[in-house]
Amino acid sequence: MKNNIKHTMDKFDKFNQSKNKFSLTLSLIVMIIYYIFIFCVGMFPEVLGYKIGPSSITLGIISGISIIIISIATTGIYAYVTNKHFDRKQNEILEEMQQCGIISDGKLTNPDYTKERK
C-alpha cells in the first residue's frame, strides 16, 4: 500500500512539474518578446519609426500588434493544452489518489503523505 501511495504521489509531482514547466515556457516566450521590443524602443527608436510604404503605419506599430497577437495566441495554446490534456490527466491522478486514500472529498486525508516523501 505504501508503495502505491508513493507511486501516486510521484505521479502527481511529475504532473505538477510538467504543467508548471509548460506555463512557465509560454510566459517566458511572451516576456522575452516584450522585453526585446522595449529594448529596441530604447536603443533603436529610428528603426521602429520606419514607415511601411506610403502610409503612416510604422514598423513599431506592426511590432506592437504582433506582440499582442502572440500574447493572445500563447493564451489560446495554454487554454487548449490545459483543457485537452492537463485536465484529463489531473482527473485521472485525483481518482487514483482517492482510491489510495490520499484524498477524500477533495481534501488531503493525512498531511504526513507530503512529509514522508521528502
N, C-alpha and C. Protein backbone atom coordinates (compact mmCIF):
# COMPACT_ATOMS: atom_id res chain seq x y z
N MET A 1 0.83 -1.20 0.00
CA MET A 1 0.00 0.00 0.00
C MET A 1 0.87 1.26 0.00
N LYS A 2 1.92 1.24 0.84
CA LYS A 2 2.81 2.40 0.91
C LYS A 2 3.46 2.68 -0.43
N ASN A 3 3.85 1.60 -1.13
CA ASN A 3 4.50 1.74 -2.42
C ASN A 3 3.54 2.36 -3.44
N ASN A 4 2.27 1.97 -3.39
CA ASN A 4 1.25 2.50 -4.28
C ASN A 4 1.02 3.99 -4.03
N ILE A 5 1.01 4.36 -2.74
CA ILE A 5 0.84 5.78 -2.38
C ILE A 5 2.02 6.58 -2.89
N LYS A 6 3.23 6.06 -2.69
CA LYS A 6 4.43 6.77 -3.14
C LYS A 6 4.40 6.94 -4.66
N HIS A 7 4.00 5.88 -5.37
CA HIS A 7 3.92 5.94 -6.83
C HIS A 7 2.91 7.01 -7.28
N THR A 8 1.76 7.04 -6.62
CA THR A 8 0.72 8.02 -6.97
C THR A 8 1.19 9.44 -6.67
N MET A 9 1.83 9.64 -5.54
CA MET A 9 2.32 10.98 -5.19
C MET A 9 3.44 11.42 -6.15
N ASP A 10 4.29 10.48 -6.54
CA ASP A 10 5.33 10.81 -7.53
C ASP A 10 4.71 11.20 -8.87
N LYS A 11 3.67 10.48 -9.24
CA LYS A 11 2.95 10.79 -10.47
C LYS A 11 2.34 12.19 -10.41
N PHE A 12 1.78 12.52 -9.25
CA PHE A 12 1.20 13.84 -9.03
C PHE A 12 2.27 14.93 -9.13
N ASP A 13 3.43 14.68 -8.53
CA ASP A 13 4.53 15.65 -8.60
C ASP A 13 5.01 15.86 -10.03
N LYS A 14 5.17 14.78 -10.77
CA LYS A 14 5.61 14.90 -12.17
C LYS A 14 4.60 15.67 -12.99
N PHE A 15 3.32 15.42 -12.72
CA PHE A 15 2.26 16.14 -13.43
C PHE A 15 2.36 17.65 -13.13
N ASN A 16 2.49 18.00 -11.87
CA ASN A 16 2.61 19.41 -11.50
C ASN A 16 3.85 20.06 -12.11
N GLN A 17 4.94 19.33 -12.13
CA GLN A 17 6.17 19.87 -12.73
C GLN A 17 5.99 20.12 -14.22
N SER A 18 5.36 19.19 -14.92
CA SER A 18 5.19 19.37 -16.37
C SER A 18 4.22 20.52 -16.66
N LYS A 19 3.17 20.64 -15.86
CA LYS A 19 2.21 21.73 -16.05
C LYS A 19 2.87 23.08 -15.77
N ASN A 20 3.64 23.16 -14.70
CA ASN A 20 4.35 24.40 -14.38
C ASN A 20 5.40 24.75 -15.43
N LYS A 21 6.10 23.74 -15.90
CA LYS A 21 7.12 23.97 -16.93
C LYS A 21 6.50 24.51 -18.22
N PHE A 22 5.36 23.94 -18.59
CA PHE A 22 4.67 24.38 -19.80
C PHE A 22 4.22 25.83 -19.69
N SER A 23 3.57 26.17 -18.57
CA SER A 23 3.08 27.54 -18.40
C SER A 23 4.24 28.53 -18.27
N LEU A 24 5.31 28.12 -17.61
CA LEU A 24 6.48 28.99 -17.49
C LEU A 24 7.13 29.23 -18.86
N THR A 25 7.19 28.21 -19.68
CA THR A 25 7.77 28.35 -21.02
C THR A 25 6.98 29.35 -21.86
N LEU A 26 5.66 29.23 -21.85
CA LEU A 26 4.84 30.17 -22.62
C LEU A 26 4.97 31.59 -22.07
N SER A 27 5.03 31.73 -20.75
CA SER A 27 5.19 33.06 -20.14
C SER A 27 6.53 33.67 -20.53
N LEU A 28 7.57 32.86 -20.50
CA LEU A 28 8.91 33.36 -20.86
C LEU A 28 8.97 33.79 -22.32
N ILE A 29 8.30 33.05 -23.19
CA ILE A 29 8.28 33.43 -24.61
C ILE A 29 7.70 34.83 -24.76
N VAL A 30 6.56 35.07 -24.13
CA VAL A 30 5.91 36.39 -24.24
C VAL A 30 6.79 37.47 -23.60
N MET A 31 7.34 37.18 -22.42
CA MET A 31 8.17 38.18 -21.74
C MET A 31 9.42 38.53 -22.54
N ILE A 32 10.07 37.53 -23.11
CA ILE A 32 11.29 37.79 -23.89
C ILE A 32 10.97 38.65 -25.10
N ILE A 33 9.89 38.31 -25.81
CA ILE A 33 9.49 39.11 -26.98
C ILE A 33 9.18 40.54 -26.56
N TYR A 34 8.46 40.70 -25.46
CA TYR A 34 8.09 42.03 -24.98
C TYR A 34 9.35 42.83 -24.61
N TYR A 35 10.26 42.21 -23.87
CA TYR A 35 11.47 42.94 -23.45
C TYR A 35 12.40 43.25 -24.63
N ILE A 36 12.42 42.40 -25.63
CA ILE A 36 13.18 42.71 -26.84
C ILE A 36 12.58 43.94 -27.51
N PHE A 37 11.25 44.00 -27.56
CA PHE A 37 10.58 45.16 -28.15
C PHE A 37 10.91 46.43 -27.36
N ILE A 38 10.83 46.37 -26.05
CA ILE A 38 11.14 47.54 -25.22
C ILE A 38 12.61 47.94 -25.38
N PHE A 39 13.50 46.95 -25.47
CA PHE A 39 14.91 47.24 -25.71
C PHE A 39 15.09 47.97 -27.04
N CYS A 40 14.41 47.50 -28.06
CA CYS A 40 14.50 48.13 -29.39
C CYS A 40 13.95 49.56 -29.36
N VAL A 41 12.87 49.78 -28.59
CA VAL A 41 12.32 51.13 -28.47
C VAL A 41 13.35 52.06 -27.86
N GLY A 42 14.06 51.56 -26.85
CA GLY A 42 15.06 52.39 -26.18
C GLY A 42 16.34 52.58 -26.99
N MET A 43 16.79 51.54 -27.66
CA MET A 43 18.07 51.60 -28.34
C MET A 43 17.99 51.98 -29.82
N PHE A 44 16.93 51.61 -30.49
CA PHE A 44 16.80 51.85 -31.92
C PHE A 44 15.45 52.47 -32.27
N PRO A 45 15.12 53.61 -31.71
CA PRO A 45 13.80 54.19 -32.00
C PRO A 45 13.61 54.56 -33.47
N GLU A 46 14.70 54.88 -34.14
CA GLU A 46 14.57 55.25 -35.55
C GLU A 46 14.17 54.06 -36.42
N VAL A 47 14.60 52.85 -36.04
CA VAL A 47 14.22 51.65 -36.79
C VAL A 47 12.72 51.40 -36.66
N LEU A 48 12.22 51.54 -35.43
CA LEU A 48 10.79 51.31 -35.21
C LEU A 48 9.94 52.43 -35.80
N GLY A 49 10.57 53.55 -36.12
CA GLY A 49 9.85 54.67 -36.70
C GLY A 49 9.76 54.62 -38.22
N TYR A 50 10.42 53.61 -38.84
CA TYR A 50 10.34 53.49 -40.29
C TYR A 50 8.90 53.31 -40.73
N LYS A 51 8.52 54.10 -41.73
CA LYS A 51 7.16 53.97 -42.28
C LYS A 51 7.13 52.84 -43.29
N ILE A 52 6.06 52.11 -43.26
CA ILE A 52 5.90 51.00 -44.19
C ILE A 52 5.05 51.49 -45.35
N GLY A 53 5.69 51.64 -46.48
CA GLY A 53 5.00 52.14 -47.67
C GLY A 53 4.63 53.61 -47.52
N PRO A 54 3.67 54.05 -48.29
CA PRO A 54 3.28 55.46 -48.25
C PRO A 54 2.33 55.80 -47.09
N SER A 55 1.96 54.82 -46.29
CA SER A 55 1.01 55.07 -45.19
C SER A 55 1.74 55.60 -43.96
N SER A 56 0.99 55.86 -42.91
CA SER A 56 1.59 56.33 -41.68
C SER A 56 1.84 55.20 -40.69
N ILE A 57 1.70 53.96 -41.14
CA ILE A 57 1.96 52.81 -40.28
C ILE A 57 3.46 52.58 -40.22
N THR A 58 3.95 52.44 -38.99
CA THR A 58 5.39 52.25 -38.81
C THR A 58 5.70 50.82 -38.40
N LEU A 59 6.99 50.51 -38.42
CA LEU A 59 7.45 49.19 -38.00
C LEU A 59 7.13 48.97 -36.52
N GLY A 60 7.15 50.03 -35.73
CA GLY A 60 6.82 49.94 -34.31
C GLY A 60 5.37 49.53 -34.08
N ILE A 61 4.48 50.06 -34.88
CA ILE A 61 3.05 49.70 -34.75
C ILE A 61 2.85 48.22 -35.12
N ILE A 62 3.49 47.80 -36.19
CA ILE A 62 3.38 46.40 -36.61
C ILE A 62 3.97 45.48 -35.53
N SER A 63 5.10 45.89 -34.95
CA SER A 63 5.71 45.09 -33.90
C SER A 63 4.80 45.00 -32.67
N GLY A 64 4.20 46.12 -32.28
CA GLY A 64 3.30 46.13 -31.13
C GLY A 64 2.09 45.26 -31.35
N ILE A 65 1.50 45.33 -32.52
CA ILE A 65 0.35 44.49 -32.84
C ILE A 65 0.76 43.02 -32.86
N SER A 66 1.95 42.74 -33.36
CA SER A 66 2.45 41.36 -33.38
C SER A 66 2.60 40.81 -31.97
N ILE A 67 3.08 41.62 -31.05
CA ILE A 67 3.22 41.18 -29.66
C ILE A 67 1.86 40.86 -29.06
N ILE A 68 0.87 41.68 -29.35
CA ILE A 68 -0.49 41.43 -28.85
C ILE A 68 -1.02 40.12 -29.43
N ILE A 69 -0.81 39.89 -30.72
CA ILE A 69 -1.29 38.66 -31.36
C ILE A 69 -0.58 37.43 -30.77
N ILE A 70 0.73 37.55 -30.56
CA ILE A 70 1.49 36.44 -29.96
C ILE A 70 0.99 36.15 -28.55
N SER A 71 0.69 37.20 -27.79
CA SER A 71 0.18 37.01 -26.43
C SER A 71 -1.17 36.29 -26.44
N ILE A 72 -2.04 36.69 -27.34
CA ILE A 72 -3.34 36.04 -27.46
C ILE A 72 -3.17 34.59 -27.91
N ALA A 73 -2.25 34.36 -28.84
CA ALA A 73 -2.01 33.00 -29.34
C ALA A 73 -1.47 32.09 -28.24
N THR A 74 -0.52 32.58 -27.44
CA THR A 74 0.02 31.75 -26.36
C THR A 74 -1.05 31.47 -25.30
N THR A 75 -1.92 32.43 -25.05
CA THR A 75 -3.02 32.19 -24.12
C THR A 75 -3.95 31.11 -24.68
N GLY A 76 -4.24 31.17 -25.96
CA GLY A 76 -5.07 30.15 -26.60
C GLY A 76 -4.42 28.78 -26.57
N ILE A 77 -3.12 28.74 -26.81
CA ILE A 77 -2.39 27.47 -26.76
C ILE A 77 -2.46 26.88 -25.36
N TYR A 78 -2.24 27.74 -24.35
CA TYR A 78 -2.31 27.27 -22.97
C TYR A 78 -3.70 26.73 -22.63
N ALA A 79 -4.73 27.46 -23.01
CA ALA A 79 -6.10 27.03 -22.72
C ALA A 79 -6.41 25.71 -23.43
N TYR A 80 -6.00 25.57 -24.67
CA TYR A 80 -6.25 24.35 -25.43
C TYR A 80 -5.55 23.15 -24.78
N VAL A 81 -4.26 23.30 -24.52
CA VAL A 81 -3.49 22.19 -23.95
C VAL A 81 -4.01 21.83 -22.56
N THR A 82 -4.35 22.85 -21.76
CA THR A 82 -4.87 22.58 -20.42
C THR A 82 -6.20 21.84 -20.50
N ASN A 83 -7.10 22.31 -21.33
CA ASN A 83 -8.41 21.67 -21.43
C ASN A 83 -8.33 20.28 -22.06
N LYS A 84 -7.45 20.12 -23.02
CA LYS A 84 -7.38 18.86 -23.76
C LYS A 84 -6.58 17.78 -23.02
N HIS A 85 -5.48 18.18 -22.38
CA HIS A 85 -4.56 17.19 -21.81
C HIS A 85 -4.44 17.27 -20.29
N PHE A 86 -4.14 18.43 -19.77
CA PHE A 86 -3.86 18.55 -18.34
C PHE A 86 -5.07 18.25 -17.47
N ASP A 87 -6.25 18.73 -17.85
CA ASP A 87 -7.44 18.48 -17.04
C ASP A 87 -7.76 16.99 -16.97
N ARG A 88 -7.64 16.30 -18.09
CA ARG A 88 -7.91 14.86 -18.11
C ARG A 88 -6.91 14.10 -17.22
N LYS A 89 -5.63 14.46 -17.38
CA LYS A 89 -4.58 13.81 -16.59
C LYS A 89 -4.77 14.11 -15.10
N GLN A 90 -5.14 15.34 -14.78
CA GLN A 90 -5.36 15.73 -13.39
C GLN A 90 -6.51 14.91 -12.78
N ASN A 91 -7.59 14.76 -13.52
CA ASN A 91 -8.72 13.97 -13.02
C ASN A 91 -8.34 12.51 -12.79
N GLU A 92 -7.52 11.96 -13.70
CA GLU A 92 -7.05 10.58 -13.52
C GLU A 92 -6.22 10.44 -12.25
N ILE A 93 -5.33 11.38 -12.03
CA ILE A 93 -4.46 11.33 -10.85
C ILE A 93 -5.28 11.53 -9.57
N LEU A 94 -6.25 12.44 -9.60
CA LEU A 94 -7.08 12.65 -8.42
C LEU A 94 -7.91 11.41 -8.09
N GLU A 95 -8.42 10.73 -9.11
CA GLU A 95 -9.15 9.48 -8.88
C GLU A 95 -8.25 8.43 -8.25
N GLU A 96 -7.04 8.35 -8.78
CA GLU A 96 -6.08 7.39 -8.24
C GLU A 96 -5.73 7.73 -6.78
N MET A 97 -5.63 9.03 -6.49
CA MET A 97 -5.34 9.45 -5.12
C MET A 97 -6.51 9.11 -4.19
N GLN A 98 -7.72 9.23 -4.68
CA GLN A 98 -8.88 8.85 -3.86
C GLN A 98 -8.91 7.34 -3.62
N GLN A 99 -8.57 6.57 -4.63
CA GLN A 99 -8.56 5.12 -4.48
C GLN A 99 -7.50 4.67 -3.48
N CYS A 100 -6.38 5.40 -3.43
CA CYS A 100 -5.31 5.06 -2.48
C CYS A 100 -5.61 5.59 -1.08
N GLY A 101 -6.60 6.46 -0.97
CA GLY A 101 -6.93 7.03 0.33
C GLY A 101 -6.11 8.26 0.68
N ILE A 102 -5.44 8.84 -0.30
CA ILE A 102 -4.63 10.04 -0.05
C ILE A 102 -5.52 11.24 0.14
N ILE A 103 -6.59 11.32 -0.66
CA ILE A 103 -7.54 12.42 -0.52
C ILE A 103 -8.95 11.86 -0.36
N SER A 104 -9.78 12.65 0.28
CA SER A 104 -11.17 12.30 0.44
C SER A 104 -11.97 13.58 0.40
N ASP A 105 -12.97 13.64 -0.45
CA ASP A 105 -13.78 14.85 -0.65
C ASP A 105 -12.92 16.06 -1.01
N GLY A 106 -11.87 15.81 -1.79
CA GLY A 106 -11.01 16.90 -2.26
C GLY A 106 -10.03 17.42 -1.23
N LYS A 107 -9.93 16.75 -0.08
CA LYS A 107 -9.00 17.20 0.97
C LYS A 107 -8.01 16.09 1.27
N LEU A 108 -6.80 16.49 1.62
CA LEU A 108 -5.74 15.57 1.98
C LEU A 108 -6.12 14.88 3.29
N THR A 109 -6.16 13.54 3.28
CA THR A 109 -6.59 12.82 4.48
C THR A 109 -5.49 12.74 5.53
N ASN A 110 -4.25 12.71 5.08
CA ASN A 110 -3.13 12.64 6.02
C ASN A 110 -2.03 13.56 5.53
N PRO A 111 -1.81 14.69 6.19
CA PRO A 111 -0.78 15.63 5.74
C PRO A 111 0.62 15.04 5.76
N ASP A 112 0.80 13.93 6.46
CA ASP A 112 2.12 13.31 6.52
C ASP A 112 2.54 12.69 5.19
N TYR A 113 1.59 12.47 4.27
CA TYR A 113 1.93 11.92 2.96
C TYR A 113 2.96 12.81 2.26
N THR A 114 2.79 14.11 2.38
CA THR A 114 3.74 15.01 1.71
C THR A 114 5.06 15.04 2.44
N LYS A 115 5.06 14.87 3.75
CA LYS A 115 6.29 14.88 4.54
C LYS A 115 7.07 13.59 4.36
N GLU A 116 6.36 12.46 4.22
CA GLU A 116 7.01 11.16 4.09
C GLU A 116 7.88 11.06 2.84
N ARG A 117 7.51 11.73 1.79
CA ARG A 117 8.22 11.63 0.52
C ARG A 117 9.51 12.41 0.50
N LYS A 118 9.67 13.37 1.39
CA LYS A 118 10.85 14.24 1.34
C LYS A 118 12.05 13.63 2.03
